[in-house]
């Protein structure tokens, strides 16, 4: 009887060792969770997000010579969605002028944090560096703000631009110009040729 007890004890030790080895294998060396393809089914993709061959359209951007806004013709990707088109315009506009005498009076490290379109107004949210690092006067501030406003209002759906600072709605975005309301296109700042 004593021999059978030793055999049973050895059998259970081997069984526990086998269970631990099998469990360890599955725990550390295999992934029992099925991996799914991360592609979104076509029926769930918004028609504006589909990648299509990029068609370009002519747009007028407004940069400054230090005194007034100067028009510059550029090409941007077309979209029926005003928010997507505004994104295309902003991406190209932030690259700066192709003319070395013109510039965008945006301070270093200032960036657009976010933007969105609602009821004819494009909301443009800047980082705090636009306020902290801006070193121009009233003229430079006018050219900076209205460079964006006049450029973005080239998009038919955008009637005005509302400036935000770190998601907040400031009365003055930089230092002089009241931005508590949305700004509309101002033709008087554009240099007449």
C-alpha atoms as a PDB file:
ATOM      1  CA  UNK A   1       0.000   0.000   0.000  1.00  0.00           C
ATOM      2  CA  UNK A   2       2.896   2.260   0.785  1.00  0.00           C
ATOM      3  CA  UNK A   3       4.260   1.764  -2.756  1.00  0.00           C
ATOM      4  CA  UNK A   4       0.933   2.821  -4.299  1.00  0.00           C
ATOM      5  CA  UNK A   5       0.898   5.985  -2.158  1.00  0.00           C
ATOM      6  CA  UNK A   6       4.342   7.029  -3.489  1.00  0.00           C
ATOM      7  CA  UNK A   7       3.251   6.309  -7.042  1.00  0.00           C
ATOM      8  CA  UNK A   8       0.063   8.433  -6.674  1.00  0.00           C
ATOM      9  CA  UNK A   9       2.074  11.249  -5.106  1.00  0.00           C
ATOM     10  CA  UNK A  10       4.565  11.167  -8.007  1.00  0.00           C
ATOM     11  CA  UNK A  11       1.711  11.050 -10.533  1.00  0.00           C
ATOM     12  CA  UNK A  12       0.087  14.225  -9.103  1.00  0.00           C
ATOM     13  CA  UNK A  13       3.432  16.033  -9.002  1.00  0.00           C
ATOM     14  CA  UNK A  14       3.985  15.246 -12.694  1.00  0.00           C
ATOM     15  CA  UNK A  15       0.376  16.242 -13.503  1.00  0.00           C
ATOM     16  CA  UNK A  16       0.793  19.639 -11.710  1.00  0.00           C
ATOM     17  CA  UNK A  17       4.084  20.227 -13.481  1.00  0.00           C
ATOM     18  CA  UNK A  18       2.455  19.488 -16.853  1.00  0.00           C
ATOM     19  CA  UNK A  19      -0.460  21.862 -16.090  1.00  0.00           C
ATOM     20  CA  UNK A  20       1.959  24.627 -15.064  1.00  0.00           C
ATOM     21  CA  UNK A  21       4.063  24.131 -18.220  1.00  0.00           C
ATOM     22  CA  UNK A  22       1.023  24.179 -20.536  1.00  0.00           C
ATOM     23  CA  UNK A  23      -0.460  27.242 -18.808  1.00  0.00           C
ATOM     24  CA  UNK A  24       2.920  29.010 -18.915  1.00  0.00           C
ATOM     25  CA  UNK A  25       3.245  28.267 -22.619  1.00  0.00           C
ATOM     26  CA  UNK A  26      -0.165  29.778 -23.399  1.00  0.00           C
ATOM     27  CA  UNK A  27       0.423  32.691 -21.061  1.00  0.00           C
ATOM     28  CA  UNK A  28       3.856  33.702 -22.358  1.00  0.00           C
ATOM     29  CA  UNK A  29       4.312  32.267 -25.840  1.00  0.00           C
ATOM     30  CA  UNK A  30       0.980  32.433 -27.581  1.00  0.00           C
ATOM     31  CA  UNK A  31      -1.642  35.098 -28.004  1.00  0.00           C
ATOM     32  CA  UNK A  32      -5.072  33.499 -27.708  1.00  0.00           C
ATOM     33  CA  UNK A  33      -6.750  36.832 -28.582  1.00  0.00           C
ATOM     34  CA  UNK A  34      -7.571  36.964 -32.248  1.00  0.00           C
ATOM     35  CA  UNK A  35      -6.029  39.933 -34.013  1.00  0.00           C
ATOM     36  CA  UNK A  36      -8.434  41.727 -36.304  1.00  0.00           C
ATOM     37  CA  UNK A  37      -7.545  43.780 -39.326  1.00  0.00           C
ATOM     38  CA  UNK A  38      -7.760  47.417 -38.262  1.00  0.00           C
ATOM     39  CA  UNK A  39      -9.216  48.644 -41.521  1.00  0.00           C
ATOM     40  CA  UNK A  40     -12.580  50.329 -41.203  1.00  0.00           C
ATOM     41  CA  UNK A  41     -15.284  48.876 -43.443  1.00  0.00           C
ATOM     42  CA  UNK A  42     -15.997  51.121 -46.446  1.00  0.00           C
ATOM     43  CA  UNK A  43     -19.614  51.773 -45.408  1.00  0.00           C
ATOM     44  CA  UNK A  44     -18.443  53.499 -42.177  1.00  0.00           C
ATOM     45  CA  UNK A  45     -16.027  55.925 -43.823  1.00  0.00           C
ATOM     46  CA  UNK A  46     -17.278  59.496 -44.172  1.00  0.00           C
ATOM     47  CA  UNK A  47     -17.266  60.491 -47.841  1.00  0.00           C
ATOM     48  CA  UNK A  48     -15.012  63.453 -46.983  1.00  0.00           C
ATOM     49  CA  UNK A  49     -12.355  61.155 -45.524  1.00  0.00           C
ATOM     50  CA  UNK A  50     -11.950  58.927 -48.567  1.00  0.00           C
ATOM     51  CA  UNK A  51      -8.627  59.299 -50.306  1.00  0.00           C
ATOM     52  CA  UNK A  52      -9.154  60.313 -53.886  1.00  0.00           C
ATOM     53  CA  UNK A  53      -6.786  61.658 -56.472  1.00  0.00           C
ATOM     54  CA  UNK A  54      -5.990  65.167 -55.317  1.00  0.00           C
ATOM     55  CA  UNK A  55      -7.353  67.845 -57.590  1.00  0.00           C
ATOM     56  CA  UNK A  56      -5.996  71.325 -57.091  1.00  0.00           C
ATOM     57  CA  UNK A  57      -7.750  74.672 -57.189  1.00  0.00           C
ATOM     58  CA  UNK A  58      -6.415  78.219 -57.266  1.00  0.00           C
ATOM     59  CA  UNK A  59      -6.664  80.233 -54.052  1.00  0.00           C
ATOM     60  CA  UNK A  60      -5.439  83.665 -53.081  1.00  0.00           C
ATOM     61  CA  UNK A  61      -3.356  83.866 -49.915  1.00  0.00           C
ATOM     62  CA  UNK A  62      -2.523  87.132 -48.181  1.00  0.00           C
ATOM     63  CA  UNK A  63       0.921  87.741 -46.745  1.00  0.00           C
ATOM     64  CA  UNK A  64       2.445  91.035 -45.649  1.00  0.00           C
ATOM     65  CA  UNK A  65       5.305  93.207 -46.802  1.00  0.00           C
ATOM     66  CA  UNK A  66       5.277  94.901 -43.395  1.00  0.00           C
ATOM     67  CA  UNK A  67       2.748  97.553 -44.438  1.00  0.00           C
ATOM     68  CA  UNK A  68      -0.237  95.896 -46.102  1.00  0.00           C
ATOM     69  CA  UNK A  69      -1.522  92.527 -47.272  1.00  0.00           C
ATOM     70  CA  UNK A  70      -0.256  91.347 -50.652  1.00  0.00           C
ATOM     71  CA  UNK A  71      -2.202  88.697 -52.601  1.00  0.00           C
ATOM     72  CA  UNK A  72      -0.360  85.579 -53.733  1.00  0.00           C
ATOM     73  CA  UNK A  73      -1.903  82.886 -55.928  1.00  0.00           C
ATOM     74  CA  UNK A  74      -1.414  79.328 -54.686  1.00  0.00           C
ATOM     75  CA  UNK A  75      -2.884  75.896 -55.367  1.00  0.00           C
ATOM     76  CA  UNK A  76      -4.580  73.751 -52.714  1.00  0.00           C
ATOM     77  CA  UNK A  77      -6.381  70.407 -52.660  1.00  0.00           C
ATOM     78  CA  UNK A  78     -10.092  70.633 -53.439  1.00  0.00           C
ATOM     79  CA  UNK A  79     -12.791  69.434 -51.038  1.00  0.00           C
ATOM     80  CA  UNK A  80     -16.562  69.900 -50.821  1.00  0.00           C
ATOM     81  CA  UNK A  81     -16.262  70.033 -47.051  1.00  0.00           C
ATOM     82  CA  UNK A  82     -15.342  73.601 -45.936  1.00  0.00           C
ATOM     83  CA  UNK A  83     -13.522  72.299 -42.860  1.00  0.00           C
ATOM     84  CA  UNK A  84     -11.333  69.955 -44.918  1.00  0.00           C
ATOM     85  CA  UNK A  85     -10.695  72.703 -47.474  1.00  0.00           C
ATOM     86  CA  UNK A  86      -9.776  75.101 -44.643  1.00  0.00           C
ATOM     87  CA  UNK A  87      -7.303  72.488 -43.372  1.00  0.00           C
ATOM     88  CA  UNK A  88      -5.732  72.265 -46.827  1.00  0.00           C
ATOM     89  CA  UNK A  89      -5.531  76.069 -47.029  1.00  0.00           C
ATOM     90  CA  UNK A  90      -4.043  76.421 -43.526  1.00  0.00           C
ATOM     91  CA  UNK A  91      -1.434  73.738 -44.194  1.00  0.00           C
ATOM     92  CA  UNK A  92      -0.296  75.533 -47.328  1.00  0.00           C
ATOM     93  CA  UNK A  93      -0.618  79.030 -45.820  1.00  0.00           C
ATOM     94  CA  UNK A  94       1.546  78.177 -42.803  1.00  0.00           C
ATOM     95  CA  UNK A  95       4.403  77.231 -45.150  1.00  0.00           C
ATOM     96  CA  UNK A  96       4.804  80.944 -45.835  1.00  0.00           C
ATOM     97  CA  UNK A  97       5.025  83.004 -48.972  1.00  0.00           C
ATOM     98  CA  UNK A  98       6.865  81.895 -52.083  1.00  0.00           C
ATOM     99  CA  UNK A  99       7.992  85.531 -52.456  1.00  0.00           C
ATOM    100  CA  UNK A 100      10.994  86.231 -50.225  1.00  0.00           C
ATOM    101  CA  UNK A 101       9.832  89.844 -49.672  1.00  0.00           C
ATOM    102  CA  UNK A 102       6.541  88.703 -48.115  1.00  0.00           C
ATOM    103  CA  UNK A 103       5.990  86.940 -44.822  1.00  0.00           C
ATOM    104  CA  UNK A 104       3.426  85.769 -42.302  1.00  0.00           C
ATOM    105  CA  UNK A 105       3.999  87.808 -39.120  1.00  0.00           C
ATOM    106  CA  UNK A 106       3.398  84.832 -36.868  1.00  0.00           C
ATOM    107  CA  UNK A 107       5.783  84.521 -33.909  1.00  0.00           C
ATOM    108  CA  UNK A 108       8.176  81.623 -33.639  1.00  0.00           C
ATOM    109  CA  UNK A 109       6.665  78.503 -32.033  1.00  0.00           C
ATOM    110  CA  UNK A 110       3.115  79.863 -32.421  1.00  0.00           C
ATOM    111  CA  UNK A 111       0.938  77.165 -33.914  1.00  0.00           C
ATOM    112  CA  UNK A 112      -2.644  76.387 -34.716  1.00  0.00           C
ATOM    113  CA  UNK A 113      -3.832  73.931 -32.078  1.00  0.00           C
ATOM    114  CA  UNK A 114      -7.177  73.213 -33.661  1.00  0.00           C
ATOM    115  CA  UNK A 115      -9.822  74.584 -35.997  1.00  0.00           C
ATOM    116  CA  UNK A 116     -13.437  73.824 -36.735  1.00  0.00           C
ATOM    117  CA  UNK A 117     -16.230  75.176 -38.904  1.00  0.00           C
ATOM    118  CA  UNK A 118     -19.737  76.044 -37.718  1.00  0.00           C
ATOM    119  CA  UNK A 119     -22.507  78.087 -39.381  1.00  0.00           C
ATOM    120  CA  UNK A 120     -20.261  80.119 -41.696  1.00  0.00           C
ATOM    121  CA  UNK A 121     -17.619  80.763 -39.023  1.00  0.00           C
ATOM    122  CA  UNK A 122     -14.213  79.127 -38.914  1.00  0.00           C
ATOM    123  CA  UNK A 123     -12.891  78.906 -35.342  1.00  0.00           C
ATOM    124  CA  UNK A 124      -9.093  79.058 -35.269  1.00  0.00           C
ATOM    125  CA  UNK A 125      -7.445  78.045 -31.985  1.00  0.00           C
ATOM    126  CA  UNK A 126      -3.843  79.249 -31.507  1.00  0.00           C
ATOM    127  CA  UNK A 127      -1.261  78.213 -28.933  1.00  0.00           C
ATOM    128  CA  UNK A 128      -0.317  80.792 -26.308  1.00  0.00           C
ATOM    129  CA  UNK A 129       2.939  81.595 -28.135  1.00  0.00           C
ATOM    130  CA  UNK A 130       1.021  83.864 -30.518  1.00  0.00           C
ATOM    131  CA  UNK A 131       0.399  86.193 -27.579  1.00  0.00           C
ATOM    132  CA  UNK A 132       3.592  85.679 -25.570  1.00  0.00           C
ATOM    133  CA  UNK A 133       6.102  85.848 -28.447  1.00  0.00           C
ATOM    134  CA  UNK A 134       4.478  88.449 -30.712  1.00  0.00           C
ATOM    135  CA  UNK A 135       6.830  91.399 -31.048  1.00  0.00           C
ATOM    136  CA  UNK A 136       5.119  93.591 -33.664  1.00  0.00           C
ATOM    137  CA  UNK A 137       2.918  96.628 -33.274  1.00  0.00           C
ATOM    138  CA  UNK A 138      -0.663  97.270 -34.301  1.00  0.00           C
ATOM    139  CA  UNK A 139       0.147  97.115 -38.029  1.00  0.00           C
ATOM    140  CA  UNK A 140       1.846  93.730 -37.746  1.00  0.00           C
ATOM    141  CA  UNK A 141      -1.032  92.433 -35.627  1.00  0.00           C
ATOM    142  CA  UNK A 142      -3.590  93.633 -38.209  1.00  0.00           C
ATOM    143  CA  UNK A 143      -1.638  91.946 -40.997  1.00  0.00           C
ATOM    144  CA  UNK A 144      -1.288  88.730 -38.989  1.00  0.00           C
ATOM    145  CA  UNK A 145      -4.985  88.429 -38.092  1.00  0.00           C
ATOM    146  CA  UNK A 146      -6.412  89.673 -41.386  1.00  0.00           C
ATOM    147  CA  UNK A 147      -3.917  87.599 -43.357  1.00  0.00           C
ATOM    148  CA  UNK A 148      -5.716  84.576 -41.913  1.00  0.00           C
ATOM    149  CA  UNK A 149      -9.193  86.110 -42.192  1.00  0.00           C
ATOM    150  CA  UNK A 150      -8.824  87.273 -45.806  1.00  0.00           C
ATOM    151  CA  UNK A 151      -7.130  84.039 -46.893  1.00  0.00           C
ATOM    152  CA  UNK A 152      -9.739  81.783 -45.253  1.00  0.00           C
ATOM    153  CA  UNK A 153     -12.660  83.904 -46.466  1.00  0.00           C
ATOM    154  CA  UNK A 154     -11.601  83.017 -50.010  1.00  0.00           C
ATOM    155  CA  UNK A 155     -13.502  79.800 -49.220  1.00  0.00           C
ATOM    156  CA  UNK A 156     -17.126  80.633 -50.105  1.00  0.00           C
ATOM    157  CA  UNK A 157     -18.631  78.909 -47.056  1.00  0.00           C
ATOM    158  CA  UNK A 158     -16.426  80.843 -44.600  1.00  0.00           C
ATOM    159  CA  UNK A 159     -17.918  84.263 -43.879  1.00  0.00           C
ATOM    160  CA  UNK A 160     -15.880  85.107 -40.777  1.00  0.00           C
ATOM    161  CA  UNK A 161     -13.074  83.819 -38.559  1.00  0.00           C
ATOM    162  CA  UNK A 162     -13.207  83.573 -34.777  1.00  0.00           C
ATOM    163  CA  UNK A 163      -9.869  83.426 -32.957  1.00  0.00           C
ATOM    164  CA  UNK A 164      -9.363  81.305 -29.847  1.00  0.00           C
ATOM    165  CA  UNK A 165      -6.358  81.106 -27.530  1.00  0.00           C
ATOM    166  CA  UNK A 166      -5.689  77.669 -25.998  1.00  0.00           C
ATOM    167  CA  UNK A 167      -9.367  76.821 -26.421  1.00  0.00           C
ATOM    168  CA  UNK A 168     -10.504  80.002 -24.640  1.00  0.00           C
ATOM    169  CA  UNK A 169     -12.381  82.906 -26.188  1.00  0.00           C
ATOM    170  CA  UNK A 170     -10.165  85.990 -25.592  1.00  0.00           C
ATOM    171  CA  UNK A 171     -11.256  89.589 -26.044  1.00  0.00           C
ATOM    172  CA  UNK A 172      -7.782  90.348 -27.413  1.00  0.00           C
ATOM    173  CA  UNK A 173      -5.862  87.517 -29.070  1.00  0.00           C
ATOM    174  CA  UNK A 174      -2.468  89.214 -29.258  1.00  0.00           C
ATOM    175  CA  UNK A 175      -2.280  92.706 -27.742  1.00  0.00           C
ATOM    176  CA  UNK A 176      -4.196  95.429 -29.592  1.00  0.00           C
ATOM    177  CA  UNK A 177      -7.002  94.156 -31.840  1.00  0.00           C
ATOM    178  CA  UNK A 178     -10.355  93.253 -30.290  1.00  0.00           C
ATOM    179  CA  UNK A 179     -11.134  89.628 -31.147  1.00  0.00           C
ATOM    180  CA  UNK A 180     -14.120  89.101 -28.843  1.00  0.00           C
ATOM    181  CA  UNK A 181     -16.244  88.755 -31.989  1.00  0.00           C
ATOM    182  CA  UNK A 182     -15.500  86.984 -35.240  1.00  0.00           C
ATOM    183  CA  UNK A 183     -13.588  89.047 -37.805  1.00  0.00           C
ATOM    184  CA  UNK A 184     -14.868  89.520 -41.351  1.00  0.00           C
ATOM    185  CA  UNK A 185     -12.855  90.076 -44.510  1.00  0.00           C
ATOM    186  CA  UNK A 186     -11.241  93.528 -44.761  1.00  0.00           C
ATOM    187  CA  UNK A 187     -10.420  94.644 -48.308  1.00  0.00           C
ATOM    188  CA  UNK A 188      -8.893  97.922 -47.088  1.00  0.00           C
ATOM    189  CA  UNK A 189      -5.775  96.139 -45.841  1.00  0.00           C
ATOM    190  CA  UNK A 190      -5.056  94.627 -49.272  1.00  0.00           C
ATOM    191  CA  UNK A 191      -2.552  96.542 -51.353  1.00  0.00           C
ATOM    192  CA  UNK A 192      -4.108  97.876 -54.561  1.00  0.00           C
ATOM    193  CA  UNK A 193      -1.993  97.463 -57.687  1.00  0.00           C
END
